[in-house]
Amino acid sequence: MSPSFSLEGKTAIVTGASKWTGKTIALEMAKAGADLLICARTPEPLEAAAQEVRSLGRKCVSVPTDVGDSEQVDNMVKKAREELGRIDILVNSAGSDIIRPTLELREKDWDSMVRLNLKSHFLCSKTVAPVMIEQGGGSIISIASTAGLRASPTSSAYGAAKAGVMHLVMTLAVEWGKHKVRVNAVAPGFIDIPMHPDYLDHFPHLKAIYERVPLGRAVTMEEVAAAVIYLASDAAACTTGVTIPLDGGMTSMLG
């Protein structure tokens, strides 16, 4: 591997890292050489994920955290500085969706989606940025979604929040570029997650879109992690304010 893609000697925070995509990102970053602090709300699976990272020979601290709560985020970042010494990379990976037509979406559902999928990115980025500025730079990567690029039937709150993430990324990149803090996003389409293998069968309109994806498949969690590693690495030293779609060509098709 080219040294410019290595994360050797770097430290990273990964949110939402107890399972699925967040956990995969943490594991792949460890393989690339990073030491990590990982966080999620549920302690047991979070610590299990940390043990997997440690088995790869990397340092890993697990801190149960609700990333929608500013005090808990402050504590998590403080712990990262104490345990890792510095923070080179932040990956805002925490997120979830409520699949429901907008007319059936409750106010508390909307608030929950915005809190987890947008507010958490704001809180974590804002809290980590002063540390990175003091250090002379860093890389922040948010996991967005192609749901934020196009209409998102049955996912209006999620799509709106992810669109907000992409706008936030552009704004923070402009504000913090002078401090050598790079801010980017990765926007997956359908991710191959074994959580609900028959998920698309319950949403015919989404299945119809999926079946027309030019590459004919979903993106893997490892492919999402690879894009994150690129953006976190020195190979992307002049990349900031961008969102990379990972969707098998789906966004181009809909365009």
C-alpha atoms as a PDB file:
ATOM      1  CA  MET A   1       0.000   0.000   0.000  1.00  0.00           C
ATOM      2  CA  SER A   2       1.234   3.493  -0.807  1.00  0.00           C
ATOM      3  CA  PRO A   3       2.379   5.258   2.383  1.00  0.00           C
ATOM      4  CA  SER A   4       0.051   8.149   1.576  1.00  0.00           C
ATOM      5  CA  PHE A   5      -2.949   5.887   2.203  1.00  0.00           C
ATOM      6  CA  SER A   6      -1.645   4.630   5.547  1.00  0.00           C
ATOM      7  CA  LEU A   7      -3.116   5.758   8.861  1.00  0.00           C
ATOM      8  CA  GLU A   8      -0.045   4.618  10.791  1.00  0.00           C
ATOM      9  CA  GLY A   9       0.620   6.941  13.709  1.00  0.00           C
ATOM     10  CA  LYS A  10      -2.812   8.580  13.479  1.00  0.00           C
ATOM     11  CA  THR A  11      -5.621   8.486  16.034  1.00  0.00           C
ATOM     12  CA  ALA A  12      -9.325   8.475  15.258  1.00  0.00           C
ATOM     13  CA  ILE A  13     -12.756   8.743  16.824  1.00  0.00           C
ATOM     14  CA  VAL A  14     -15.505   6.690  15.173  1.00  0.00           C
ATOM     15  CA  THR A  15     -19.091   7.215  16.330  1.00  0.00           C
ATOM     16  CA  GLY A  16     -21.831   4.606  15.957  1.00  0.00           C
ATOM     17  CA  ALA A  17     -19.120   1.944  15.975  1.00  0.00           C
ATOM     18  CA  SER A  18     -20.788  -0.891  17.870  1.00  0.00           C
ATOM     19  CA  LYS A  19     -22.094  -2.671  14.751  1.00  0.00           C
ATOM     20  CA  TRP A  20     -22.563  -2.713  10.990  1.00  0.00           C
ATOM     21  CA  THR A  21     -20.966   0.092   8.992  1.00  0.00           C
ATOM     22  CA  GLY A  22     -19.496   2.036  11.932  1.00  0.00           C
ATOM     23  CA  LYS A  23     -17.845  -1.078  13.322  1.00  0.00           C
ATOM     24  CA  THR A  24     -16.494  -2.013   9.892  1.00  0.00           C
ATOM     25  CA  ILE A  25     -15.023   1.469   9.490  1.00  0.00           C
ATOM     26  CA  ALA A  26     -13.293   1.146  12.865  1.00  0.00           C
ATOM     27  CA  LEU A  27     -11.852  -2.275  12.033  1.00  0.00           C
ATOM     28  CA  GLU A  28     -10.615  -1.213   8.603  1.00  0.00           C
ATOM     29  CA  MET A  29      -9.042   1.949  10.030  1.00  0.00           C
ATOM     30  CA  ALA A  30      -7.242  -0.197  12.593  1.00  0.00           C
ATOM     31  CA  LYS A  31      -5.922  -2.399   9.780  1.00  0.00           C
ATOM     32  CA  ALA A  32      -4.667   0.791   8.095  1.00  0.00           C
ATOM     33  CA  GLY A  33      -2.694   1.630  11.256  1.00  0.00           C
ATOM     34  CA  ALA A  34      -4.887   3.923  13.357  1.00  0.00           C
ATOM     35  CA  ASP A  35      -5.465   3.807  17.107  1.00  0.00           C
ATOM     36  CA  LEU A  36      -9.071   4.512  17.984  1.00  0.00           C
ATOM     37  CA  LEU A  37     -11.700   5.698  20.381  1.00  0.00           C
ATOM     38  CA  ILE A  38     -15.071   4.250  19.423  1.00  0.00           C
ATOM     39  CA  CYS A  39     -18.445   5.238  20.804  1.00  0.00           C
ATOM     40  CA  ALA A  40     -22.094   4.220  20.642  1.00  0.00           C
ATOM     41  CA  ARG A  41     -24.981   4.210  23.065  1.00  0.00           C
ATOM     42  CA  THR A  42     -24.978   0.520  24.069  1.00  0.00           C
ATOM     43  CA  PRO A  43     -21.945  -0.532  26.170  1.00  0.00           C
ATOM     44  CA  GLU A  44     -21.828  -4.308  25.606  1.00  0.00           C
ATOM     45  CA  PRO A  45     -21.638  -4.471  21.791  1.00  0.00           C
ATOM     46  CA  LEU A  46     -19.401  -1.394  21.822  1.00  0.00           C
ATOM     47  CA  GLU A  47     -16.829  -3.067  24.062  1.00  0.00           C
ATOM     48  CA  ALA A  48     -17.063  -6.243  21.947  1.00  0.00           C
ATOM     49  CA  ALA A  49     -16.195  -4.155  18.886  1.00  0.00           C
ATOM     50  CA  ALA A  50     -13.297  -2.592  20.792  1.00  0.00           C
ATOM     51  CA  GLN A  51     -11.954  -6.049  21.594  1.00  0.00           C
ATOM     52  CA  GLU A  52     -11.982  -6.888  17.879  1.00  0.00           C
ATOM     53  CA  VAL A  53      -9.976  -3.755  17.135  1.00  0.00           C
ATOM     54  CA  ARG A  54      -7.478  -4.603  19.875  1.00  0.00           C
ATOM     55  CA  SER A  55      -7.062  -8.096  18.419  1.00  0.00           C
ATOM     56  CA  LEU A  56      -5.612  -6.360  15.338  1.00  0.00           C
ATOM     57  CA  GLY A  57      -2.828  -4.947  17.503  1.00  0.00           C
ATOM     58  CA  ARG A  58      -4.174  -1.407  17.773  1.00  0.00           C
ATOM     59  CA  LYS A  59      -5.132   0.618  20.843  1.00  0.00           C
ATOM     60  CA  CYS A  60      -8.882   1.059  21.195  1.00  0.00           C
ATOM     61  CA  VAL A  61     -10.887   2.868  23.870  1.00  0.00           C
ATOM     62  CA  SER A  62     -14.653   2.392  24.070  1.00  0.00           C
ATOM     63  CA  VAL A  63     -16.771   5.180  25.545  1.00  0.00           C
ATOM     64  CA  PRO A  64     -20.574   4.713  25.665  1.00  0.00           C
ATOM     65  CA  THR A  65     -21.944   7.996  24.332  1.00  0.00           C
ATOM     66  CA  ASP A  66     -25.184   9.513  23.120  1.00  0.00           C
ATOM     67  CA  VAL A  67     -23.738  11.732  20.390  1.00  0.00           C
ATOM     68  CA  GLY A  68     -26.887  13.850  20.365  1.00  0.00           C
ATOM     69  CA  ASP A  69     -26.075  15.088  23.878  1.00  0.00           C
ATOM     70  CA  SER A  70     -23.472  17.850  24.108  1.00  0.00           C
ATOM     71  CA  GLU A  71     -22.258  16.962  27.618  1.00  0.00           C
ATOM     72  CA  GLN A  72     -21.677  13.346  26.645  1.00  0.00           C
ATOM     73  CA  VAL A  73     -19.850  14.438  23.488  1.00  0.00           C
ATOM     74  CA  ASP A  74     -17.640  16.758  25.560  1.00  0.00           C
ATOM     75  CA  ASN A  75     -16.785  13.851  27.853  1.00  0.00           C
ATOM     76  CA  MET A  76     -16.052  11.538  24.923  1.00  0.00           C
ATOM     77  CA  VAL A  77     -13.660  14.021  23.285  1.00  0.00           C
ATOM     78  CA  LYS A  78     -11.959  14.684  26.632  1.00  0.00           C
ATOM     79  CA  LYS A  79     -11.459  10.921  27.046  1.00  0.00           C
ATOM     80  CA  ALA A  80      -9.993  10.696  23.544  1.00  0.00           C
ATOM     81  CA  ARG A  81      -7.402  13.357  24.368  1.00  0.00           C
ATOM     82  CA  GLU A  82      -6.528  11.660  27.661  1.00  0.00           C
ATOM     83  CA  GLU A  83      -6.219   8.151  26.221  1.00  0.00           C
ATOM     84  CA  LEU A  84      -4.907   8.816  22.697  1.00  0.00           C
ATOM     85  CA  GLY A  85      -2.982  12.039  23.210  1.00  0.00           C
ATOM     86  CA  ARG A  86      -4.299  13.694  20.049  1.00  0.00           C
ATOM     87  CA  ILE A  87      -7.225  13.449  17.617  1.00  0.00           C
ATOM     88  CA  ASP A  88      -6.286  13.300  13.943  1.00  0.00           C
ATOM     89  CA  ILE A  89      -9.539  11.938  12.519  1.00  0.00           C
ATOM     90  CA  LEU A  90     -13.231  12.076  13.375  1.00  0.00           C
ATOM     91  CA  VAL A  91     -15.719   9.815  11.600  1.00  0.00           C
ATOM     92  CA  ASN A  92     -19.349  10.780  12.215  1.00  0.00           C
ATOM     93  CA  SER A  93     -20.934   7.402  11.518  1.00  0.00           C
ATOM     94  CA  ALA A  94     -23.834   7.242  13.986  1.00  0.00           C
ATOM     95  CA  GLY A  95     -27.221   7.221  12.272  1.00  0.00           C
ATOM     96  CA  SER A  96     -30.463   5.365  11.592  1.00  0.00           C
ATOM     97  CA  ASP A  97     -33.663   5.684   9.582  1.00  0.00           C
ATOM     98  CA  ILE A  98     -37.378   5.468  10.283  1.00  0.00           C
ATOM     99  CA  ILE A  99     -39.133   4.138   7.192  1.00  0.00           C
ATOM    100  CA  ARG A 100     -42.559   5.742   7.168  1.00  0.00           C
ATOM    101  CA  PRO A 101     -44.644   7.881   4.764  1.00  0.00           C
ATOM    102  CA  THR A 102     -44.454  11.534   5.744  1.00  0.00           C
ATOM    103  CA  LEU A 103     -48.158  11.733   6.608  1.00  0.00           C
ATOM    104  CA  GLU A 104     -47.575   8.966   9.166  1.00  0.00           C
ATOM    105  CA  LEU A 105     -44.382  10.485  10.566  1.00  0.00           C
ATOM    106  CA  ARG A 106     -44.783  11.760  14.107  1.00  0.00           C
ATOM    107  CA  GLU A 107     -43.118  14.904  15.370  1.00  0.00           C
ATOM    108  CA  LYS A 108     -40.996  12.871  17.768  1.00  0.00           C
ATOM    109  CA  ASP A 109     -39.847  10.698  14.852  1.00  0.00           C
ATOM    110  CA  TRP A 110     -38.729  13.800  12.951  1.00  0.00           C
ATOM    111  CA  ASP A 111     -36.914  15.166  16.002  1.00  0.00           C
ATOM    112  CA  SER A 112     -35.222  11.818  16.621  1.00  0.00           C
ATOM    113  CA  MET A 113     -33.966  11.569  13.033  1.00  0.00           C
ATOM    114  CA  VAL A 114     -32.601  15.108  12.960  1.00  0.00           C
ATOM    115  CA  ARG A 115     -30.976  14.692  16.379  1.00  0.00           C
ATOM    116  CA  LEU A 116     -29.122  11.514  15.454  1.00  0.00           C
ATOM    117  CA  ASN A 117     -28.405  12.105  11.768  1.00  0.00           C
ATOM    118  CA  LEU A 118     -27.575  15.828  11.774  1.00  0.00           C
ATOM    119  CA  LYS A 119     -27.240  17.341  15.250  1.00  0.00           C
ATOM    120  CA  SER A 120     -24.722  14.670  16.274  1.00  0.00           C
ATOM    121  CA  HIS A 121     -22.480  15.565  13.314  1.00  0.00           C
ATOM    122  CA  PHE A 122     -22.612  19.224  14.366  1.00  0.00           C
ATOM    123  CA  LEU A 123     -21.859  18.505  18.026  1.00  0.00           C
ATOM    124  CA  CYS A 124     -18.997  16.082  17.411  1.00  0.00           C
ATOM    125  CA  SER A 125     -17.397  18.189  14.683  1.00  0.00           C
ATOM    126  CA  LYS A 126     -17.673  21.412  16.687  1.00  0.00           C
ATOM    127  CA  THR A 127     -16.190  19.768  19.783  1.00  0.00           C
ATOM    128  CA  VAL A 128     -13.297  18.075  17.986  1.00  0.00           C
ATOM    129  CA  ALA A 129     -12.381  21.036  15.749  1.00  0.00           C
ATOM    130  CA  PRO A 130     -10.613  23.125  18.459  1.00  0.00           C
ATOM    131  CA  VAL A 131      -8.407  20.123  19.271  1.00  0.00           C
ATOM    132  CA  MET A 132      -7.483  19.689  15.606  1.00  0.00           C
ATOM    133  CA  ILE A 133      -6.865  23.427  15.176  1.00  0.00           C
ATOM    134  CA  GLU A 134      -4.533  23.402  18.174  1.00  0.00           C
ATOM    135  CA  GLN A 135      -2.677  20.425  16.676  1.00  0.00           C
ATOM    136  CA  GLY A 136      -2.318  22.089  13.269  1.00  0.00           C
ATOM    137  CA  GLY A 137      -4.934  20.136  11.328  1.00  0.00           C
ATOM    138  CA  GLY A 138      -7.085  17.047  11.046  1.00  0.00           C
ATOM    139  CA  SER A 139      -9.709  15.268   8.990  1.00  0.00           C
ATOM    140  CA  ILE A 140     -13.454  15.026   9.694  1.00  0.00           C
ATOM    141  CA  ILE A 141     -15.562  12.601   7.670  1.00  0.00           C
ATOM    142  CA  SER A 142     -19.342  12.366   7.944  1.00  0.00           C
ATOM    143  CA  ILE A 143     -21.415   9.467   6.674  1.00  0.00           C
ATOM    144  CA  ALA A 144     -24.187  11.062   4.632  1.00  0.00           C
ATOM    145  CA  SER A 145     -26.496   9.256   2.186  1.00  0.00           C
ATOM    146  CA  THR A 146     -27.765   9.483  -1.359  1.00  0.00           C
ATOM    147  CA  ALA A 147     -31.135   9.945   0.379  1.00  0.00           C
ATOM    148  CA  GLY A 148     -29.958  13.515   0.903  1.00  0.00           C
ATOM    149  CA  LEU A 149     -29.248  14.028  -2.806  1.00  0.00           C
ATOM    150  CA  ARG A 150     -32.647  13.063  -4.217  1.00  0.00           C
ATOM    151  CA  ALA A 151     -36.241  12.733  -3.071  1.00  0.00           C
ATOM    152  CA  SER A 152     -36.569  10.119  -0.342  1.00  0.00           C
ATOM    153  CA  PRO A 153     -40.113   8.703  -0.239  1.00  0.00           C
ATOM    154  CA  THR A 154     -40.815   7.107   3.186  1.00  0.00           C
ATOM    155  CA  SER A 155     -37.573   8.647   4.523  1.00  0.00           C
ATOM    156  CA  SER A 156     -38.281  12.383   4.510  1.00  0.00           C
ATOM    157  CA  ALA A 157     -36.741  13.123   7.915  1.00  0.00           C
ATOM    158  CA  TYR A 158     -33.680  10.968   7.259  1.00  0.00           C
ATOM    159  CA  GLY A 159     -33.177  12.440   3.790  1.00  0.00           C
ATOM    160  CA  ALA A 160     -33.554  16.007   5.035  1.00  0.00           C
ATOM    161  CA  ALA A 161     -31.054  15.373   7.827  1.00  0.00           C
ATOM    162  CA  LYS A 162     -28.519  13.822   5.456  1.00  0.00           C
ATOM    163  CA  ALA A 163     -28.910  16.748   3.050  1.00  0.00           C
ATOM    164  CA  GLY A 164     -28.156  18.941   6.048  1.00  0.00           C
ATOM    165  CA  VAL A 165     -25.011  16.921   6.742  1.00  0.00           C
ATOM    166  CA  MET A 166     -23.706  17.576   3.242  1.00  0.00           C
ATOM    167  CA  HIS A 167     -24.365  21.298   3.557  1.00  0.00           C
ATOM    168  CA  LEU A 168     -22.718  21.336   6.988  1.00  0.00           C
ATOM    169  CA  VAL A 169     -19.654  19.606   5.532  1.00  0.00           C
ATOM    170  CA  MET A 170     -19.252  22.280   2.845  1.00  0.00           C
ATOM    171  CA  THR A 171     -19.646  25.104   5.352  1.00  0.00           C
ATOM    172  CA  LEU A 172     -17.228  23.674   7.911  1.00  0.00           C
ATOM    173  CA  ALA A 173     -14.681  22.965   5.165  1.00  0.00           C
ATOM    174  CA  VAL A 174     -14.735  26.653   4.208  1.00  0.00           C
ATOM    175  CA  GLU A 175     -14.629  27.898   7.808  1.00  0.00           C
ATOM    176  CA  TRP A 176     -11.868  25.555   8.982  1.00  0.00           C
ATOM    177  CA  GLY A 177      -9.737  25.199   5.861  1.00  0.00           C
ATOM    178  CA  LYS A 178      -7.377  27.956   7.011  1.00  0.00           C
ATOM    179  CA  HIS A 179      -6.626  25.773  10.040  1.00  0.00           C
ATOM    180  CA  LYS A 180      -5.836  22.740   7.828  1.00  0.00           C
ATOM    181  CA  VAL A 181      -8.917  20.903   9.111  1.00  0.00           C
ATOM    182  CA  ARG A 182     -10.441  19.041   6.168  1.00  0.00           C
ATOM    183  CA  VAL A 183     -14.157  18.169   6.252  1.00  0.00           C
ATOM    184  CA  ASN A 184     -15.736  15.725   3.799  1.00  0.00           C
ATOM    185  CA  ALA A 185     -18.557  13.217   3.512  1.00  0.00           C
ATOM    186  CA  VAL A 186     -19.272   9.800   2.041  1.00  0.00           C
ATOM    187  CA  ALA A 187     -22.811   9.231   0.738  1.00  0.00           C
ATOM    188  CA  PRO A 188     -23.649   5.545   0.350  1.00  0.00           C
ATOM    189  CA  GLY A 189     -26.718   4.365  -1.487  1.00  0.00           C
ATOM    190  CA  PHE A 190     -28.042   0.943  -0.517  1.00  0.00           C
ATOM    191  CA  ILE A 191     -25.556  -0.723   1.850  1.00  0.00           C
ATOM    192  CA  ASP A 192     -25.294  -4.495   1.971  1.00  0.00           C
ATOM    193  CA  ILE A 193     -26.137  -4.929   5.655  1.00  0.00           C
ATOM    194  CA  PRO A 194     -27.388  -8.344   6.871  1.00  0.00           C
ATOM    195  CA  MET A 195     -29.752  -6.661   9.324  1.00  0.00           C
ATOM    196  CA  HIS A 196     -32.876  -7.011   7.168  1.00  0.00           C
ATOM    197  CA  PRO A 197     -32.192  -9.269   4.162  1.00  0.00           C
ATOM    198  CA  ASP A 198     -35.784  -8.888   2.903  1.00  0.00           C
ATOM    199  CA  TYR A 199     -35.935  -5.148   3.647  1.00  0.00           C
ATOM    200  CA  LEU A 200     -36.549  -4.051   0.045  1.00  0.00           C
ATOM    201  CA  ASP A 201     -39.410  -6.521  -0.409  1.00  0.00           C
ATOM    202  CA  HIS A 202     -41.482  -4.360   1.965  1.00  0.00           C
ATOM    203  CA  PHE A 203     -40.898  -1.163  -0.050  1.00  0.00           C
ATOM    204  CA  PRO A 204     -41.641  -1.784  -3.746  1.00  0.00           C
ATOM    205  CA  HIS A 205     -40.770   1.770  -4.822  1.00  0.00           C
ATOM    206  CA  LEU A 206     -37.308   1.432  -3.296  1.00  0.00           C
ATOM    207  CA  LYS A 207     -36.822  -2.048  -4.729  1.00  0.00           C
ATOM    208  CA  ALA A 208     -37.637  -0.718  -8.197  1.00  0.00           C
ATOM    209  CA  ILE A 209     -34.864   1.879  -7.832  1.00  0.00           C
ATOM    210  CA  TYR A 210     -32.402  -0.659  -6.464  1.00  0.00           C
ATOM    211  CA  GLU A 211     -33.016  -3.061  -9.345  1.00  0.00           C
ATOM    212  CA  ARG A 212     -31.994  -0.319 -11.789  1.00  0.00           C
ATOM    213  CA  VAL A 213     -28.637   0.439 -10.153  1.00  0.00           C
ATOM    214  CA  PRO A 214     -26.106   0.397 -13.029  1.00  0.00           C
ATOM    215  CA  LEU A 215     -23.589  -1.827 -11.199  1.00  0.00           C
ATOM    216  CA  GLY A 216     -26.421  -4.125 -10.143  1.00  0.00           C
ATOM    217  CA  ARG A 217     -25.537  -4.396  -6.460  1.00  0.00           C
ATOM    218  CA  ALA A 218     -25.372  -2.611  -3.137  1.00  0.00           C
ATOM    219  CA  VAL A 219     -22.191  -1.049  -1.778  1.00  0.00           C
ATOM    220  CA  THR A 220     -20.428  -3.127   0.868  1.00  0.00           C
ATOM    221  CA  MET A 221     -19.556  -1.857   4.310  1.00  0.00           C
ATOM    222  CA  GLU A 222     -15.881  -2.434   3.486  1.00  0.00           C
ATOM    223  CA  GLU A 223     -16.213  -0.170   0.438  1.00  0.00           C
ATOM    224  CA  VAL A 224     -17.660   2.587   2.619  1.00  0.00           C
ATOM    225  CA  ALA A 225     -14.726   2.115   4.997  1.00  0.00           C
ATOM    226  CA  ALA A 226     -12.245   2.317   2.113  1.00  0.00           C
ATOM    227  CA  ALA A 227     -13.629   5.711   1.056  1.00  0.00           C
ATOM    228  CA  VAL A 228     -13.414   6.915   4.653  1.00  0.00           C
ATOM    229  CA  ILE A 229      -9.791   5.782   4.895  1.00  0.00           C
ATOM    230  CA  TYR A 230      -8.942   7.647   1.693  1.00  0.00           C
ATOM    231  CA  LEU A 231     -10.472  10.874   3.032  1.00  0.00           C
ATOM    232  CA  ALA A 232      -8.722  10.403   6.382  1.00  0.00           C
ATOM    233  CA  SER A 233      -5.322   9.759   4.818  1.00  0.00           C
ATOM    234  CA  ASP A 234      -2.621  12.018   3.424  1.00  0.00           C
ATOM    235  CA  ALA A 235      -3.661  10.849  -0.056  1.00  0.00           C
ATOM    236  CA  ALA A 236      -6.614  13.256   0.289  1.00  0.00           C
ATOM    237  CA  ALA A 237      -4.508  16.146   1.620  1.00  0.00           C
ATOM    238  CA  CYS A 238      -6.070  18.582  -0.889  1.00  0.00           C
ATOM    239  CA  THR A 239      -9.614  17.225  -0.664  1.00  0.00           C
ATOM    240  CA  THR A 240     -12.130  19.140   1.429  1.00  0.00           C
ATOM    241  CA  GLY A 241     -15.778  20.177   1.239  1.00  0.00           C
ATOM    242  CA  VAL A 242     -16.805  17.272  -0.987  1.00  0.00           C
ATOM    243  CA  THR A 243     -19.295  14.423  -0.742  1.00  0.00           C
ATOM    244  CA  ILE A 244     -18.353  11.160  -2.454  1.00  0.00           C
ATOM    245  CA  PRO A 245     -21.396   9.120  -3.571  1.00  0.00           C
ATOM    246  CA  LEU A 246     -20.982   5.333  -3.222  1.00  0.00           C
ATOM    247  CA  ASP A 247     -24.086   3.995  -4.899  1.00  0.00           C
ATOM    248  CA  GLY A 248     -23.198   1.866  -7.913  1.00  0.00           C
ATOM    249  CA  GLY A 249     -24.208   4.709 -10.226  1.00  0.00           C
ATOM    250  CA  MET A 250     -27.695   5.115  -8.757  1.00  0.00           C
ATOM    251  CA  THR A 251     -27.463   8.892  -8.376  1.00  0.00           C
ATOM    252  CA  SER A 252     -26.316   9.291 -11.991  1.00  0.00           C
ATOM    253  CA  MET A 253     -29.212   7.130 -13.157  1.00  0.00           C
ATOM    254  CA  LEU A 254     -31.766   9.224 -11.290  1.00  0.00           C
ATOM    255  CA  GLY A 255     -30.176  12.415 -12.584  1.00  0.00           C
END
